[in-house]
């Protein structure tokens, strides 16, 4: 699944950066979405929760009911099938790769590099909870 795939890809990227002595730049995948403002990015976290990212804030794990607080926002998600029965201005969309490229370029220019021996994936939810 995607959980394992992300872990494997991250390990390969860190290993290549370390062994080839090349820069490693990491981003939060939820930052790669854009749309008409205001918007929030929403990923289905299952068990009645969603991962929520609002630009300028840290991503967070919230109960799906908390989406009511964002009724005036566009709700962006790649997981429309599992969330479409919720009220709101839903937009099924994938990441904006030009935005991801801009984020990576900005981090590179600002020398915001990640130590390949210290790469940590950020999980908002304990897999057992």
Protein backbone atom coordinates (compact mmCIF):
# COMPACT_ATOMS: atom_id res chain seq x y z
CA UNK A 1 0.00 0.00 0.00
CA UNK A 2 0.92 3.66 -0.01
CA UNK A 3 2.18 3.52 3.59
CA UNK A 4 4.89 1.01 2.68
CA UNK A 5 5.54 2.60 -0.71
CA UNK A 6 6.27 5.99 0.85
CA UNK A 7 8.64 4.40 3.38
CA UNK A 8 10.54 2.49 0.67
CA UNK A 9 10.78 5.51 -1.66
CA UNK A 10 12.01 7.74 1.20
CA UNK A 11 14.66 5.19 2.16
CA UNK A 12 15.86 4.91 -1.44
CA UNK A 13 16.03 8.70 -1.83
CA UNK A 14 17.98 9.11 1.41
CA UNK A 15 20.34 6.29 0.47
CA UNK A 16 21.03 7.76 -2.97
CA UNK A 17 21.60 11.24 -1.55
CA UNK A 18 24.00 9.88 1.04
CA UNK A 19 25.94 7.54 -1.24
CA UNK A 20 26.22 10.06 -4.09
CA UNK A 21 26.84 13.05 -1.77
CA UNK A 22 24.02 15.04 -3.36
CA UNK A 23 21.54 17.37 -1.66
CA UNK A 24 18.30 15.96 -0.28
CA UNK A 25 15.28 18.24 -0.07
CA UNK A 26 12.07 17.10 1.60
CA UNK A 27 8.57 18.57 1.62
CA UNK A 28 5.19 17.72 3.08
CA UNK A 29 3.09 16.27 0.24
CA UNK A 30 0.02 18.17 1.46
CA UNK A 31 1.79 21.44 0.58
CA UNK A 32 1.69 20.46 -3.09
CA UNK A 33 -1.97 21.27 -3.63
CA UNK A 34 -3.34 24.57 -4.87
CA UNK A 35 -6.70 25.91 -5.98
CA UNK A 36 -8.89 28.95 -5.69
CA UNK A 37 -8.60 30.46 -2.25
CA UNK A 38 -9.53 29.83 0.44
CA UNK A 39 -8.82 26.10 0.41
CA UNK A 40 -7.68 23.28 2.65
CA UNK A 41 -6.23 19.93 1.62
CA UNK A 42 -8.00 16.91 3.09
CA UNK A 43 -6.81 13.28 3.07
CA UNK A 44 -9.01 10.49 4.40
CA UNK A 45 -7.34 9.04 7.51
CA UNK A 46 -10.08 6.43 8.04
CA UNK A 47 -11.64 5.70 11.43
CA UNK A 48 -13.71 8.91 11.24
CA UNK A 49 -10.70 11.21 10.92
CA UNK A 50 -9.04 13.28 8.20
CA UNK A 51 -5.61 14.78 7.69
CA UNK A 52 -6.14 18.52 7.21
CA UNK A 53 -3.67 21.05 5.87
CA UNK A 54 -4.32 24.77 5.65
CA UNK A 55 -1.58 26.83 4.01
CA UNK A 56 0.55 28.59 6.60
CA UNK A 57 -0.21 26.02 9.32
CA UNK A 58 1.09 22.60 10.27
CA UNK A 59 -0.96 19.62 9.04
CA UNK A 60 -3.16 18.04 11.67
CA UNK A 61 -5.33 15.02 12.29
CA UNK A 62 -8.93 15.96 13.12
CA UNK A 63 -12.31 14.26 13.45
CA UNK A 64 -14.18 14.39 10.14
CA UNK A 65 -16.90 16.48 11.84
CA UNK A 66 -14.40 19.34 12.18
CA UNK A 67 -14.67 19.90 8.41
CA UNK A 68 -17.85 21.87 9.20
CA UNK A 69 -15.54 24.67 10.37
CA UNK A 70 -14.31 24.97 6.78
CA UNK A 71 -17.68 25.37 5.03
CA UNK A 72 -16.47 28.53 3.25
CA UNK A 73 -13.33 26.79 1.94
CA UNK A 74 -12.71 24.63 -1.09
CA UNK A 75 -11.94 21.13 0.20
CA UNK A 76 -9.24 19.57 -2.00
CA UNK A 77 -8.77 15.82 -1.93
CA UNK A 78 -7.43 12.97 -4.04
CA UNK A 79 -9.82 10.70 -2.08
CA UNK A 80 -13.17 11.95 -3.30
CA UNK A 81 -14.90 8.54 -3.27
CA UNK A 82 -14.49 8.10 0.48
CA UNK A 83 -15.37 11.69 1.41
CA UNK A 84 -17.90 12.88 -1.19
CA UNK A 85 -20.92 12.24 1.02
CA UNK A 86 -19.78 15.01 3.37
CA UNK A 87 -21.11 18.53 2.95
CA UNK A 88 -18.82 21.14 1.50
CA UNK A 89 -17.24 22.53 -1.65
CA UNK A 90 -15.34 19.34 -2.59
CA UNK A 91 -12.84 19.33 -5.42
CA UNK A 92 -11.23 16.05 -6.45
CA UNK A 93 -7.72 16.99 -7.46
CA UNK A 94 -4.15 15.73 -7.37
CA UNK A 95 -1.04 17.64 -6.39
CA UNK A 96 0.10 20.62 -8.45
CA UNK A 97 3.53 19.55 -9.68
CA UNK A 98 4.55 23.09 -10.64
CA UNK A 99 3.87 24.14 -7.04
CA UNK A 100 5.92 21.19 -5.76
CA UNK A 101 8.75 22.22 -8.12
CA UNK A 102 8.59 25.80 -6.83
CA UNK A 103 8.67 24.61 -3.21
CA UNK A 104 11.69 22.40 -3.89
CA UNK A 105 13.48 25.17 -5.79
CA UNK A 106 12.85 27.66 -2.99
CA UNK A 107 14.22 25.23 -0.39
CA UNK A 108 17.26 24.58 -2.58
CA UNK A 109 17.96 28.30 -3.04
CA UNK A 110 17.58 28.85 0.71
CA UNK A 111 19.84 25.85 1.38
CA UNK A 112 17.09 24.14 3.37
CA UNK A 113 18.59 20.70 2.88
CA UNK A 114 17.78 17.52 4.78
CA UNK A 115 20.54 15.39 6.24
CA UNK A 116 20.09 12.03 4.47
CA UNK A 117 21.12 10.20 7.65
CA UNK A 118 18.30 11.89 9.54
CA UNK A 119 15.20 11.53 7.35
CA UNK A 120 11.98 11.09 9.32
CA UNK A 121 8.54 10.59 7.88
CA UNK A 122 5.92 12.56 9.74
CA UNK A 123 2.89 10.50 10.64
CA UNK A 124 0.00 12.39 12.09
CA UNK A 125 -1.66 9.26 13.37
CA UNK A 126 -0.26 6.35 15.30
CA UNK A 127 -0.91 3.28 13.10
CA UNK A 128 -2.40 1.50 16.11
CA UNK A 129 -4.84 4.23 17.16
